[in-house]
Amino acid sequence: MLYVYFKKIFNPLTHGVFKAYYAFLVFGQMYDMGEQCLSQTDDEKIYVMAARGNGKKGFAIVNHSKLEKTVSLSLLGADLSHSKVIATDDEHTFDEIAPLSDTVTLPPYSIRYVEFA
């Protein structure tokens, strides 16, 4: 007999995927770009990654903390005023939001995916 347990992937109340798994979707989109770029943070609860290729550039910021975090962005070769920003948090599920500034406030357990040309 085969037993399959999905305790950690699916929300038992809504039967939907927990929002944290949207990080895998973001990773897949960045992986498809083809080239990893340098990204770093000094906060152990903030994860970042960046990529470029196929005519696109992008980066992701994940707040893996129960606390709201404010981060300052330092980006070389990026014009965020024309970027596409996708948010996942308590209020958003992979929704497009307004472009980011150089200081970003991240809600607890949130993801920001930014794509630009």
N, C-alpha and C. Protein backbone atom coordinates (compact mmCIF):
# COMPACT_ATOMS: atom_id res chain seq x y z
N MET A 1 0.84 -1.17 0.00
CA MET A 1 0.00 0.00 0.00
C MET A 1 0.90 1.24 0.00
N LEU A 2 0.53 2.22 -0.77
CA LEU A 2 1.30 3.45 -0.90
C LEU A 2 0.63 4.57 -0.12
N TYR A 3 1.40 5.20 0.75
CA TYR A 3 0.90 6.35 1.49
C TYR A 3 1.67 7.58 1.05
N VAL A 4 0.97 8.66 0.76
CA VAL A 4 1.61 9.90 0.36
C VAL A 4 1.15 10.98 1.34
N TYR A 5 2.12 11.65 1.93
CA TYR A 5 1.81 12.70 2.89
C TYR A 5 2.22 14.05 2.31
N PHE A 6 1.31 15.00 2.35
CA PHE A 6 1.57 16.34 1.84
C PHE A 6 1.41 17.37 2.95
N LYS A 7 1.79 17.01 4.14
CA LYS A 7 1.58 17.88 5.28
C LYS A 7 2.26 19.23 5.13
N LYS A 8 3.38 19.29 4.48
CA LYS A 8 4.14 20.52 4.47
C LYS A 8 4.00 21.33 3.19
N ILE A 9 3.42 20.80 2.15
CA ILE A 9 3.28 21.51 0.89
C ILE A 9 1.93 22.20 0.80
N PHE A 10 0.87 21.49 1.19
CA PHE A 10 -0.48 22.00 1.00
C PHE A 10 -1.09 22.46 2.32
N ASN A 11 -1.85 23.54 2.22
CA ASN A 11 -2.59 24.06 3.36
C ASN A 11 -3.80 23.16 3.57
N PRO A 12 -3.92 22.53 4.74
CA PRO A 12 -5.04 21.61 4.95
C PRO A 12 -6.41 22.29 4.99
N LEU A 13 -6.43 23.59 5.24
CA LEU A 13 -7.71 24.30 5.30
C LEU A 13 -8.21 24.72 3.93
N THR A 14 -7.29 25.12 3.05
CA THR A 14 -7.69 25.59 1.73
C THR A 14 -7.38 24.60 0.62
N HIS A 15 -6.57 23.60 0.91
CA HIS A 15 -6.10 22.62 -0.07
C HIS A 15 -5.24 23.25 -1.16
N GLY A 16 -4.81 24.49 -0.94
CA GLY A 16 -3.91 25.15 -1.87
C GLY A 16 -2.47 25.01 -1.41
N VAL A 17 -1.58 25.41 -2.27
CA VAL A 17 -0.15 25.36 -1.95
C VAL A 17 0.17 26.49 -0.98
N PHE A 18 1.02 26.20 0.02
CA PHE A 18 1.48 27.26 0.90
C PHE A 18 2.22 28.30 0.07
N LYS A 19 2.08 29.56 0.41
CA LYS A 19 2.67 30.63 -0.38
C LYS A 19 4.19 30.56 -0.46
N ALA A 20 4.83 29.98 0.50
CA ALA A 20 6.29 29.86 0.47
C ALA A 20 6.77 29.11 -0.77
N TYR A 21 5.94 28.27 -1.33
CA TYR A 21 6.35 27.48 -2.50
C TYR A 21 6.41 28.30 -3.79
N TYR A 22 5.92 29.54 -3.75
CA TYR A 22 6.08 30.41 -4.91
C TYR A 22 7.55 30.76 -5.13
N ALA A 23 8.38 30.59 -4.12
CA ALA A 23 9.82 30.79 -4.29
C ALA A 23 10.37 29.82 -5.33
N PHE A 24 9.83 28.62 -5.42
CA PHE A 24 10.27 27.65 -6.43
C PHE A 24 9.90 28.11 -7.84
N LEU A 25 8.72 28.73 -7.97
CA LEU A 25 8.31 29.28 -9.27
C LEU A 25 9.27 30.39 -9.68
N VAL A 26 9.60 31.26 -8.75
CA VAL A 26 10.56 32.34 -9.02
C VAL A 26 11.91 31.75 -9.41
N PHE A 27 12.37 30.76 -8.67
CA PHE A 27 13.65 30.13 -8.98
C PHE A 27 13.63 29.56 -10.40
N GLY A 28 12.54 28.93 -10.78
CA GLY A 28 12.42 28.36 -12.12
C GLY A 28 12.51 29.42 -13.21
N GLN A 29 11.86 30.55 -12.99
CA GLN A 29 11.92 31.63 -13.98
C GLN A 29 13.34 32.18 -14.11
N MET A 30 14.02 32.30 -12.98
CA MET A 30 15.39 32.81 -13.02
C MET A 30 16.35 31.77 -13.59
N TYR A 31 16.11 30.52 -13.30
CA TYR A 31 16.94 29.45 -13.86
C TYR A 31 16.87 29.45 -15.39
N ASP A 32 15.66 29.70 -15.92
CA ASP A 32 15.47 29.75 -17.37
C ASP A 32 16.23 30.90 -18.03
N MET A 33 16.55 31.94 -17.26
CA MET A 33 17.35 33.04 -17.82
C MET A 33 18.74 32.55 -18.20
N GLY A 34 19.29 31.64 -17.43
CA GLY A 34 20.52 30.97 -17.83
C GLY A 34 21.81 31.36 -17.14
N GLU A 35 21.93 32.57 -16.61
CA GLU A 35 23.19 32.98 -16.01
C GLU A 35 22.96 33.59 -14.63
N GLN A 36 23.57 33.00 -13.64
CA GLN A 36 23.47 33.52 -12.27
C GLN A 36 24.33 34.77 -12.14
N CYS A 37 23.86 35.74 -11.39
CA CYS A 37 24.60 36.97 -11.13
C CYS A 37 24.88 37.07 -9.63
N LEU A 38 25.89 37.84 -9.29
CA LEU A 38 26.24 38.02 -7.89
C LEU A 38 25.10 38.70 -7.14
N SER A 39 24.75 38.14 -6.01
CA SER A 39 23.77 38.76 -5.10
C SER A 39 24.16 38.35 -3.69
N GLN A 40 24.02 39.26 -2.76
CA GLN A 40 24.40 38.94 -1.39
C GLN A 40 23.64 39.81 -0.40
N THR A 41 23.57 39.32 0.81
CA THR A 41 22.93 40.02 1.91
C THR A 41 23.69 39.70 3.19
N ASP A 42 23.57 40.58 4.16
CA ASP A 42 24.21 40.32 5.44
C ASP A 42 23.20 39.92 6.52
N ASP A 43 21.96 39.71 6.12
CA ASP A 43 20.91 39.30 7.05
C ASP A 43 20.62 37.82 6.85
N GLU A 44 20.78 37.02 7.88
CA GLU A 44 20.60 35.57 7.75
C GLU A 44 19.16 35.14 7.49
N LYS A 45 18.20 36.03 7.64
CA LYS A 45 16.80 35.71 7.37
C LYS A 45 16.31 36.28 6.03
N ILE A 46 17.20 36.95 5.31
CA ILE A 46 16.87 37.46 3.98
C ILE A 46 17.70 36.67 2.96
N TYR A 47 17.01 36.11 1.98
CA TYR A 47 17.68 35.36 0.92
C TYR A 47 17.53 36.14 -0.38
N VAL A 48 18.60 36.19 -1.17
CA VAL A 48 18.57 36.91 -2.44
C VAL A 48 19.20 36.05 -3.52
N MET A 49 18.76 36.27 -4.75
CA MET A 49 19.39 35.66 -5.91
C MET A 49 19.14 36.56 -7.10
N ALA A 50 20.02 36.47 -8.10
CA ALA A 50 19.89 37.29 -9.30
C ALA A 50 20.33 36.47 -10.51
N ALA A 51 19.74 36.82 -11.66
CA ALA A 51 20.06 36.11 -12.89
C ALA A 51 19.84 37.03 -14.07
N ARG A 52 20.40 36.61 -15.22
CA ARG A 52 20.17 37.34 -16.47
C ARG A 52 20.28 36.37 -17.64
N GLY A 53 19.71 36.79 -18.75
CA GLY A 53 19.76 35.98 -19.96
C GLY A 53 18.44 36.04 -20.70
N ASN A 54 18.45 35.64 -21.96
CA ASN A 54 17.24 35.65 -22.79
C ASN A 54 16.61 37.04 -22.85
N GLY A 55 17.45 38.09 -22.81
CA GLY A 55 16.94 39.46 -22.90
C GLY A 55 16.32 39.99 -21.62
N LYS A 56 16.48 39.27 -20.51
CA LYS A 56 15.88 39.71 -19.24
C LYS A 56 16.94 39.70 -18.14
N LYS A 57 16.64 40.44 -17.10
CA LYS A 57 17.42 40.41 -15.87
C LYS A 57 16.41 40.33 -14.73
N GLY A 58 16.82 39.73 -13.64
CA GLY A 58 15.89 39.65 -12.52
C GLY A 58 16.59 39.35 -11.21
N PHE A 59 15.89 39.64 -10.13
CA PHE A 59 16.38 39.25 -8.81
C PHE A 59 15.19 38.96 -7.91
N ALA A 60 15.47 38.22 -6.88
CA ALA A 60 14.43 37.86 -5.91
C ALA A 60 14.95 38.14 -4.51
N ILE A 61 14.04 38.57 -3.66
CA ILE A 61 14.34 38.79 -2.24
C ILE A 61 13.29 38.02 -1.46
N VAL A 62 13.73 37.20 -0.52
CA VAL A 62 12.82 36.43 0.31
C VAL A 62 13.08 36.78 1.77
N ASN A 63 12.03 37.19 2.47
CA ASN A 63 12.12 37.43 3.90
C ASN A 63 11.63 36.17 4.60
N HIS A 64 12.56 35.40 5.11
CA HIS A 64 12.22 34.15 5.80
C HIS A 64 12.24 34.39 7.31
N SER A 65 11.42 35.34 7.73
CA SER A 65 11.37 35.75 9.13
C SER A 65 9.94 36.09 9.50
N LYS A 66 9.61 35.96 10.76
CA LYS A 66 8.28 36.34 11.22
C LYS A 66 8.18 37.85 11.46
N LEU A 67 9.28 38.56 11.24
CA LEU A 67 9.34 40.01 11.43
C LEU A 67 9.37 40.74 10.10
N GLU A 68 8.78 41.93 10.07
CA GLU A 68 8.92 42.79 8.90
C GLU A 68 10.37 43.24 8.81
N LYS A 69 10.92 43.28 7.61
CA LYS A 69 12.31 43.66 7.41
C LYS A 69 12.38 44.79 6.39
N THR A 70 13.25 45.76 6.64
CA THR A 70 13.53 46.82 5.69
C THR A 70 14.93 46.61 5.14
N VAL A 71 15.04 46.56 3.82
CA VAL A 71 16.33 46.32 3.18
C VAL A 71 16.64 47.47 2.22
N SER A 72 17.90 47.77 2.11
CA SER A 72 18.38 48.75 1.14
C SER A 72 18.97 48.00 -0.04
N LEU A 73 18.56 48.38 -1.24
CA LEU A 73 19.04 47.73 -2.45
C LEU A 73 20.19 48.52 -3.05
N SER A 74 21.20 47.83 -3.48
CA SER A 74 22.31 48.41 -4.21
C SER A 74 22.46 47.60 -5.49
N LEU A 75 22.00 48.17 -6.59
CA LEU A 75 21.95 47.43 -7.85
C LEU A 75 22.79 48.13 -8.91
N LEU A 76 23.62 47.37 -9.58
CA LEU A 76 24.41 47.91 -10.68
C LEU A 76 23.74 47.54 -12.00
N GLY A 77 23.50 48.52 -12.84
CA GLY A 77 22.94 48.26 -14.16
C GLY A 77 21.45 47.95 -14.16
N ALA A 78 20.74 48.48 -13.18
CA ALA A 78 19.31 48.19 -13.10
C ALA A 78 18.52 49.49 -12.97
N ASP A 79 17.50 49.64 -13.80
CA ASP A 79 16.57 50.76 -13.70
C ASP A 79 15.26 50.20 -13.17
N LEU A 80 15.03 50.34 -11.88
CA LEU A 80 13.83 49.75 -11.26
C LEU A 80 12.55 50.50 -11.60
N SER A 81 12.66 51.71 -12.16
CA SER A 81 11.44 52.48 -12.44
C SER A 81 10.58 51.81 -13.52
N HIS A 82 11.17 50.96 -14.35
CA HIS A 82 10.41 50.26 -15.39
C HIS A 82 10.40 48.75 -15.17
N SER A 83 10.53 48.35 -13.94
CA SER A 83 10.59 46.92 -13.64
C SER A 83 9.20 46.35 -13.38
N LYS A 84 9.12 45.05 -13.51
CA LYS A 84 7.91 44.32 -13.17
C LYS A 84 8.19 43.65 -11.82
N VAL A 85 7.36 43.96 -10.82
CA VAL A 85 7.57 43.44 -9.47
C VAL A 85 6.40 42.53 -9.11
N ILE A 86 6.73 41.31 -8.73
CA ILE A 86 5.73 40.32 -8.33
C ILE A 86 5.87 40.08 -6.83
N ALA A 87 4.76 40.16 -6.12
CA ALA A 87 4.77 40.01 -4.66
C ALA A 87 3.98 38.78 -4.23
N THR A 88 4.52 38.10 -3.23
CA THR A 88 3.81 37.02 -2.55
C THR A 88 4.00 37.25 -1.06
N ASP A 89 2.87 37.40 -0.36
CA ASP A 89 2.86 37.60 1.09
C ASP A 89 1.43 37.36 1.56
N ASP A 90 1.10 37.80 2.76
CA ASP A 90 -0.26 37.57 3.27
C ASP A 90 -1.33 38.24 2.42
N GLU A 91 -1.00 39.34 1.77
CA GLU A 91 -1.97 40.09 0.97
C GLU A 91 -1.89 39.82 -0.53
N HIS A 92 -0.82 39.19 -0.99
CA HIS A 92 -0.61 38.95 -2.42
C HIS A 92 -0.25 37.50 -2.68
N THR A 93 -0.70 37.01 -3.82
CA THR A 93 -0.32 35.68 -4.28
C THR A 93 0.18 35.81 -5.71
N PHE A 94 1.49 36.05 -5.84
CA PHE A 94 2.14 36.23 -7.12
C PHE A 94 1.45 37.33 -7.93
N ASP A 95 1.21 38.48 -7.27
CA ASP A 95 0.54 39.63 -7.87
C ASP A 95 1.56 40.68 -8.27
N GLU A 96 1.31 41.35 -9.39
CA GLU A 96 2.16 42.47 -9.79
C GLU A 96 1.84 43.68 -8.92
N ILE A 97 2.89 44.34 -8.43
CA ILE A 97 2.74 45.53 -7.59
C ILE A 97 3.58 46.66 -8.19
N ALA A 98 3.52 47.83 -7.55
CA ALA A 98 4.27 49.00 -8.03
C ALA A 98 5.78 48.74 -7.97
N PRO A 99 6.54 49.39 -8.87
CA PRO A 99 8.00 49.23 -8.84
C PRO A 99 8.60 49.56 -7.48
N LEU A 100 9.72 48.92 -7.17
CA LEU A 100 10.39 49.13 -5.90
C LEU A 100 11.28 50.36 -5.96
N SER A 101 11.54 50.92 -4.80
CA SER A 101 12.55 51.97 -4.69
C SER A 101 13.83 51.32 -4.18
N ASP A 102 14.81 52.12 -3.81
CA ASP A 102 16.05 51.53 -3.33
C ASP A 102 15.98 51.07 -1.87
N THR A 103 14.88 51.36 -1.20
CA THR A 103 14.62 50.83 0.14
C THR A 103 13.29 50.09 0.10
N VAL A 104 13.29 48.85 0.55
CA VAL A 104 12.11 48.00 0.45
C VAL A 104 11.75 47.46 1.82
N THR A 105 10.47 47.57 2.17
CA THR A 105 9.98 46.96 3.40
C THR A 105 9.29 45.65 3.03
N LEU A 106 9.80 44.57 3.58
CA LEU A 106 9.29 43.23 3.27
C LEU A 106 8.44 42.73 4.44
N PRO A 107 7.19 42.36 4.17
CA PRO A 107 6.38 41.75 5.22
C PRO A 107 6.98 40.42 5.66
N PRO A 108 6.56 39.90 6.79
CA PRO A 108 7.04 38.58 7.22
C PRO A 108 6.76 37.51 6.16
N TYR A 109 7.68 36.59 6.01
CA TYR A 109 7.54 35.45 5.09
C TYR A 109 7.06 35.88 3.71
N SER A 110 7.76 36.81 3.12
CA SER A 110 7.34 37.36 1.83
C SER A 110 8.40 37.15 0.75
N ILE A 111 7.97 37.27 -0.49
CA ILE A 111 8.83 37.14 -1.66
C ILE A 111 8.58 38.34 -2.56
N ARG A 112 9.66 38.92 -3.06
CA ARG A 112 9.58 39.95 -4.10
C ARG A 112 10.45 39.49 -5.26
N TYR A 113 9.84 39.37 -6.42
CA TYR A 113 10.55 38.98 -7.64
C TYR A 113 10.51 40.17 -8.58
N VAL A 114 11.66 40.62 -9.03
CA VAL A 114 11.76 41.81 -9.87
C VAL A 114 12.41 41.40 -11.19
N GLU A 115 11.76 41.80 -12.29
CA GLU A 115 12.26 41.49 -13.62
C GLU A 115 12.34 42.80 -14.42
N PHE A 116 13.43 42.97 -15.17
CA PHE A 116 13.61 44.16 -15.97
C PHE A 116 14.46 43.84 -17.19
N ALA A 117 14.46 44.77 -18.16
CA ALA A 117 15.22 44.55 -19.40
C ALA A 117 16.62 45.09 -19.29
